């Protein structure tokens, strides 16, 4: 669709973009969770309880 010469995505294209962005966000969240778990393990190994900091 166009609006005064500006190309606008169709609802289907918008949905596909949103799904792709959601998948990327999920992947980034999984990476962040993994990093947080590794950091917590390192802190525990140093005698620090990360849940009480």
PDB file of N, CA and C in Angstrom:
ATOM      1  N   UNK A   1       0.852  -1.192   0.000  1.00  0.00           N
ATOM      2  CA  UNK A   1       0.000   0.000   0.000  1.00  0.00           C
ATOM      3  C   UNK A   1       0.885   1.238   0.000  1.00  0.00           C
ATOM      4  N   UNK A   2       0.356   2.313  -0.543  1.00  0.00           N
ATOM      5  CA  UNK A   2       1.125   3.559  -0.559  1.00  0.00           C
ATOM      6  C   UNK A   2       0.297   4.688   0.021  1.00  0.00           C
ATOM      7  N   UNK A   3       0.985   5.641   0.578  1.00  0.00           N
ATOM      8  CA  UNK A   3       0.353   6.835   1.114  1.00  0.00           C
ATOM      9  C   UNK A   3       1.175   8.010   0.614  1.00  0.00           C
ATOM     10  N   UNK A   4       0.664   8.687  -0.410  1.00  0.00           N
ATOM     11  CA  UNK A   4       1.376   9.812  -1.016  1.00  0.00           C
ATOM     12  C   UNK A   4       2.816   9.439  -1.375  1.00  0.00           C
ATOM     13  N   UNK A   5       2.971   8.302  -2.020  1.00  0.00           N
ATOM     14  CA  UNK A   5       4.293   7.889  -2.476  1.00  0.00           C
ATOM     15  C   UNK A   5       5.118   7.144  -1.448  1.00  0.00           C
ATOM     16  N   UNK A   6       4.624   7.038  -0.211  1.00  0.00           N
ATOM     17  CA  UNK A   6       5.347   6.302   0.831  1.00  0.00           C
ATOM     18  C   UNK A   6       4.844   4.861   0.817  1.00  0.00           C
ATOM     19  N   UNK A   7       5.762   3.920   0.703  1.00  0.00           N
ATOM     20  CA  UNK A   7       5.380   2.508   0.682  1.00  0.00           C
ATOM     21  C   UNK A   7       5.145   2.046   2.117  1.00  0.00           C
ATOM     22  N   UNK A   8       3.967   1.508   2.348  1.00  0.00           N
ATOM     23  CA  UNK A   8       3.612   0.996   3.668  1.00  0.00           C
ATOM     24  C   UNK A   8       3.504  -0.522   3.598  1.00  0.00           C
ATOM     25  N   UNK A   9       3.982  -1.219   4.624  1.00  0.00           N
ATOM     26  CA  UNK A   9       3.855  -2.675   4.613  1.00  0.00           C
ATOM     27  C   UNK A   9       2.395  -3.106   4.754  1.00  0.00           C
ATOM     28  N   UNK A  10       2.088  -4.243   4.163  1.00  0.00           N
ATOM     29  CA  UNK A  10       0.745  -4.804   4.303  1.00  0.00           C
ATOM     30  C   UNK A  10       0.595  -5.360   5.717  1.00  0.00           C
ATOM     31  N   UNK A  11      -0.633  -5.633   6.154  1.00  0.00           N
ATOM     32  CA  UNK A  11      -0.801  -6.261   7.475  1.00  0.00           C
ATOM     33  C   UNK A  11      -0.025  -7.575   7.592  1.00  0.00           C
ATOM     34  N   UNK A  12       0.017  -8.335   6.498  1.00  0.00           N
ATOM     35  CA  UNK A  12       0.755  -9.602   6.523  1.00  0.00           C
ATOM     36  C   UNK A  12       2.248  -9.352   6.705  1.00  0.00           C
ATOM     37  N   UNK A  13       2.762  -8.334   5.992  1.00  0.00           N
ATOM     38  CA  UNK A  13       4.181  -7.996   6.139  1.00  0.00           C
ATOM     39  C   UNK A  13       4.470  -7.496   7.552  1.00  0.00           C
ATOM     40  N   UNK A  14       3.554  -6.698   8.088  1.00  0.00           N
ATOM     41  CA  UNK A  14       3.718  -6.225   9.467  1.00  0.00           C
ATOM     42  C   UNK A  14       3.760  -7.396  10.438  1.00  0.00           C
ATOM     43  N   UNK A  15       2.891  -8.378  10.238  1.00  0.00           N
ATOM     44  CA  UNK A  15       2.858  -9.548  11.115  1.00  0.00           C
ATOM     45  C   UNK A  15       4.162 -10.328  11.014  1.00  0.00           C
ATOM     46  N   UNK A  16       4.671 -10.490   9.801  1.00  0.00           N
ATOM     47  CA  UNK A  16       5.924 -11.222   9.611  1.00  0.00           C
ATOM     48  C   UNK A  16       7.078 -10.488  10.284  1.00  0.00           C
ATOM     49  N   UNK A  17       7.093  -9.177  10.162  1.00  0.00           N
ATOM     50  CA  UNK A  17       8.139  -8.371  10.809  1.00  0.00           C
ATOM     51  C   UNK A  17       8.044  -8.519  12.327  1.00  0.00           C
ATOM     52  N   UNK A  18       6.837  -8.448  12.850  1.00  0.00           N
ATOM     53  CA  UNK A  18       6.642  -8.569  14.296  1.00  0.00           C
ATOM     54  C   UNK A  18       7.085  -9.939  14.794  1.00  0.00           C
ATOM     55  N   UNK A  19       6.768 -10.987  14.035  1.00  0.00           N
ATOM     56  CA  UNK A  19       7.187 -12.334  14.428  1.00  0.00           C
ATOM     57  C   UNK A  19       8.702 -12.456  14.422  1.00  0.00           C
ATOM     58  N   UNK A  20       9.342 -11.888  13.413  1.00  0.00           N
ATOM     59  CA  UNK A  20      10.800 -11.939  13.326  1.00  0.00           C
ATOM     60  C   UNK A  20      11.433 -11.189  14.501  1.00  0.00           C
ATOM     61  N   UNK A  21      10.884 -10.022  14.816  1.00  0.00           N
ATOM     62  CA  UNK A  21      11.412  -9.248  15.939  1.00  0.00           C
ATOM     63  C   UNK A  21      11.203  -9.993  17.257  1.00  0.00           C
ATOM     64  N   UNK A  22      10.073 -10.666  17.406  1.00  0.00           N
ATOM     65  CA  UNK A  22       9.811 -11.434  18.622  1.00  0.00           C
ATOM     66  C   UNK A  22      10.794 -12.591  18.748  1.00  0.00           C
ATOM     67  N   UNK A  23      11.091 -13.257  17.638  1.00  0.00           N
ATOM     68  CA  UNK A  23      12.047 -14.363  17.662  1.00  0.00           C
ATOM     69  C   UNK A  23      13.435 -13.864  18.049  1.00  0.00           C
ATOM     70  N   UNK A  24      13.823 -12.713  17.524  1.00  0.00           N
ATOM     71  CA  UNK A  24      15.121 -12.130  17.876  1.00  0.00           C
ATOM     72  C   UNK A  24      15.150 -11.786  19.360  1.00  0.00           C
ATOM     73  N   UNK A  25      14.068 -11.206  19.862  1.00  0.00           N
ATOM     74  CA  UNK A  25      14.004 -10.837  21.276  1.00  0.00           C
ATOM     75  C   UNK A  25      14.096 -12.069  22.166  1.00  0.00           C
ATOM     76  N   UNK A  26      13.429 -13.156  21.769  1.00  0.00           N
ATOM     77  CA  UNK A  26      13.497 -14.392  22.550  1.00  0.00           C
ATOM     78  C   UNK A  26      14.921 -14.936  22.575  1.00  0.00           C
ATOM     79  N   UNK A  27      15.597 -14.883  21.436  1.00  0.00           N
ATOM     80  CA  UNK A  27      16.975 -15.363  21.355  1.00  0.00           C
ATOM     81  C   UNK A  27      17.884 -14.519  22.252  1.00  0.00           C
ATOM     82  N   UNK A  28      17.699 -13.207  22.209  1.00  0.00           N
ATOM     83  CA  UNK A  28      18.509 -12.321  23.045  1.00  0.00           C
ATOM     84  C   UNK A  28      18.227 -12.563  24.524  1.00  0.00           C
ATOM     85  N   UNK A  29      16.980 -12.814  24.876  1.00  0.00           N
ATOM     86  CA  UNK A  29      16.624 -13.091  26.266  1.00  0.00           C
ATOM     87  C   UNK A  29      17.263 -14.392  26.739  1.00  0.00           C
ATOM     88  N   UNK A  30      17.290 -15.399  25.878  1.00  0.00           N
ATOM     89  CA  UNK A  30      17.916 -16.670  26.238  1.00  0.00           C
ATOM     90  C   UNK A  30      19.413 -16.486  26.464  1.00  0.00           C
ATOM     91  N   UNK A  31      20.055 -15.692  25.620  1.00  0.00           N
ATOM     92  CA  UNK A  31      21.484 -15.416  25.780  1.00  0.00           C
ATOM     93  C   UNK A  31      21.728 -14.673  27.093  1.00  0.00           C
ATOM     94  N   UNK A  32      20.892 -13.682  27.384  1.00  0.00           N
ATOM     95  CA  UNK A  32      21.041 -12.918  28.624  1.00  0.00           C
ATOM     96  C   UNK A  32      20.846 -13.813  29.844  1.00  0.00           C
ATOM     97  N   UNK A  33      19.883 -14.713  29.783  1.00  0.00           N
ATOM     98  CA  UNK A  33      19.638 -15.641  30.890  1.00  0.00           C
ATOM     99  C   UNK A  33      20.848 -16.534  31.114  1.00  0.00           C
ATOM    100  N   UNK A  34      21.419 -17.042  30.028  1.00  0.00           N
ATOM    101  CA  UNK A  34      22.602 -17.900  30.121  1.00  0.00           C
ATOM    102  C   UNK A  34      23.768 -17.135  30.746  1.00  0.00           C
ATOM    103  N   UNK A  35      23.961 -15.899  30.323  1.00  0.00           N
ATOM    104  CA  UNK A  35      25.042 -15.078  30.890  1.00  0.00           C
ATOM    105  C   UNK A  35      24.813 -14.817  32.367  1.00  0.00           C
ATOM    106  N   UNK A  36      23.567 -14.546  32.735  1.00  0.00           N
ATOM    107  CA  UNK A  36      23.244 -14.286  34.139  1.00  0.00           C
ATOM    108  C   UNK A  36      23.511 -15.520  34.992  1.00  0.00           C
ATOM    109  N   UNK A  37      23.168 -16.690  34.481  1.00  0.00           N
ATOM    110  CA  UNK A  37      23.405 -17.927  35.224  1.00  0.00           C
ATOM    111  C   UNK A  37      24.898 -18.183  35.394  1.00  0.00           C
ATOM    112  N   UNK A  38      25.686 -17.917  34.339  1.00  0.00           N
ATOM    113  CA  UNK A  38      27.141 -18.099  34.434  1.00  0.00           C
ATOM    114  C   UNK A  38      27.741 -17.123  35.441  1.00  0.00           C
ATOM    115  N   UNK A  39      27.271 -15.870  35.417  1.00  0.00           N
ATOM    116  CA  UNK A  39      27.765 -14.873  36.358  1.00  0.00           C
ATOM    117  C   UNK A  39      27.407 -15.271  37.790  1.00  0.00           C
ATOM    118  N   UNK A  40      26.193 -15.726  38.003  1.00  0.00           N
ATOM    119  CA  UNK A  40      25.768 -16.150  39.338  1.00  0.00           C
ATOM    120  C   UNK A  40      26.637 -17.301  39.830  1.00  0.00           C
ATOM    121  N   UNK A  41      26.960 -18.240  38.945  1.00  0.00           N
ATOM    122  CA  UNK A  41      27.811 -19.368  39.325  1.00  0.00           C
ATOM    123  C   UNK A  41      29.202 -18.882  39.718  1.00  0.00           C
ATOM    124  N   UNK A  42      29.730 -17.912  38.969  1.00  0.00           N
ATOM    125  CA  UNK A  42      31.058 -17.372  39.307  1.00  0.00           C
ATOM    126  C   UNK A  42      31.027 -16.643  40.647  1.00  0.00           C
ATOM    127  N   UNK A  43      29.965 -15.895  40.889  1.00  0.00           N
ATOM    128  CA  UNK A  43      29.850 -15.196  42.170  1.00  0.00           C
ATOM    129  C   UNK A  43      29.768 -16.195  43.322  1.00  0.00           C
ATOM    130  N   UNK A  44      28.969 -17.245  43.140  1.00  0.00           N
ATOM    131  CA  UNK A  44      28.864 -18.267  44.189  1.00  0.00           C
ATOM    132  C   UNK A  44      30.216 -18.914  44.449  1.00  0.00           C
ATOM    133  N   UNK A  45      30.993 -19.147  43.391  1.00  0.00           N
ATOM    134  CA  UNK A  45      32.324 -19.747  43.541  1.00  0.00           C
ATOM    135  C   UNK A  45      33.251 -18.834  44.345  1.00  0.00           C
ATOM    136  N   UNK A  46      32.977 -17.528  44.329  1.00  0.00           N
ATOM    137  CA  UNK A  46      33.781 -16.574  45.096  1.00  0.00           C
ATOM    138  C   UNK A  46      33.188 -16.333  46.485  1.00  0.00           C
ATOM    139  N   UNK A  47      32.142 -17.069  46.821  1.00  0.00           N
ATOM    140  CA  UNK A  47      31.536 -16.944  48.138  1.00  0.00           C
ATOM    141  C   UNK A  47      30.493 -15.850  48.244  1.00  0.00           C
ATOM    142  N   UNK A  48      30.044 -15.331  47.116  1.00  0.00           N
ATOM    143  CA  UNK A  48      29.027 -14.278  47.120  1.00  0.00           C
ATOM    144  C   UNK A  48      27.694 -14.894  46.709  1.00  0.00           C
ATOM    145  N   UNK A  49      26.665 -14.608  47.498  1.00  0.00           N
ATOM    146  CA  UNK A  49      25.332 -15.084  47.143  1.00  0.00           C
ATOM    147  C   UNK A  49      24.668 -14.007  46.287  1.00  0.00           C
ATOM    148  N   UNK A  50      24.528 -14.238  44.979  1.00  0.00           N
ATOM    149  CA  UNK A  50      23.970 -13.200  44.106  1.00  0.00           C
ATOM    150  C   UNK A  50      22.515 -12.858  44.422  1.00  0.00           C
ATOM    151  N   UNK A  51      21.829 -13.734  45.140  1.00  0.00           N
ATOM    152  CA  UNK A  51      20.433 -13.467  45.481  1.00  0.00           C
ATOM    153  C   UNK A  51      20.309 -12.496  46.650  1.00  0.00           C
ATOM    154  N   UNK A  52      21.412 -12.246  47.363  1.00  0.00           N
ATOM    155  CA  UNK A  52      21.373 -11.351  48.519  1.00  0.00           C
ATOM    156  C   UNK A  52      22.096 -10.036  48.254  1.00  0.00           C
ATOM    157  N   UNK A  53      22.564  -9.831  47.041  1.00  0.00           N
ATOM    158  CA  UNK A  53      23.311  -8.604  46.719  1.00  0.00           C
ATOM    159  C   UNK A  53      22.333  -7.508  46.344  1.00  0.00           C
TER     160      UNK A  53
END
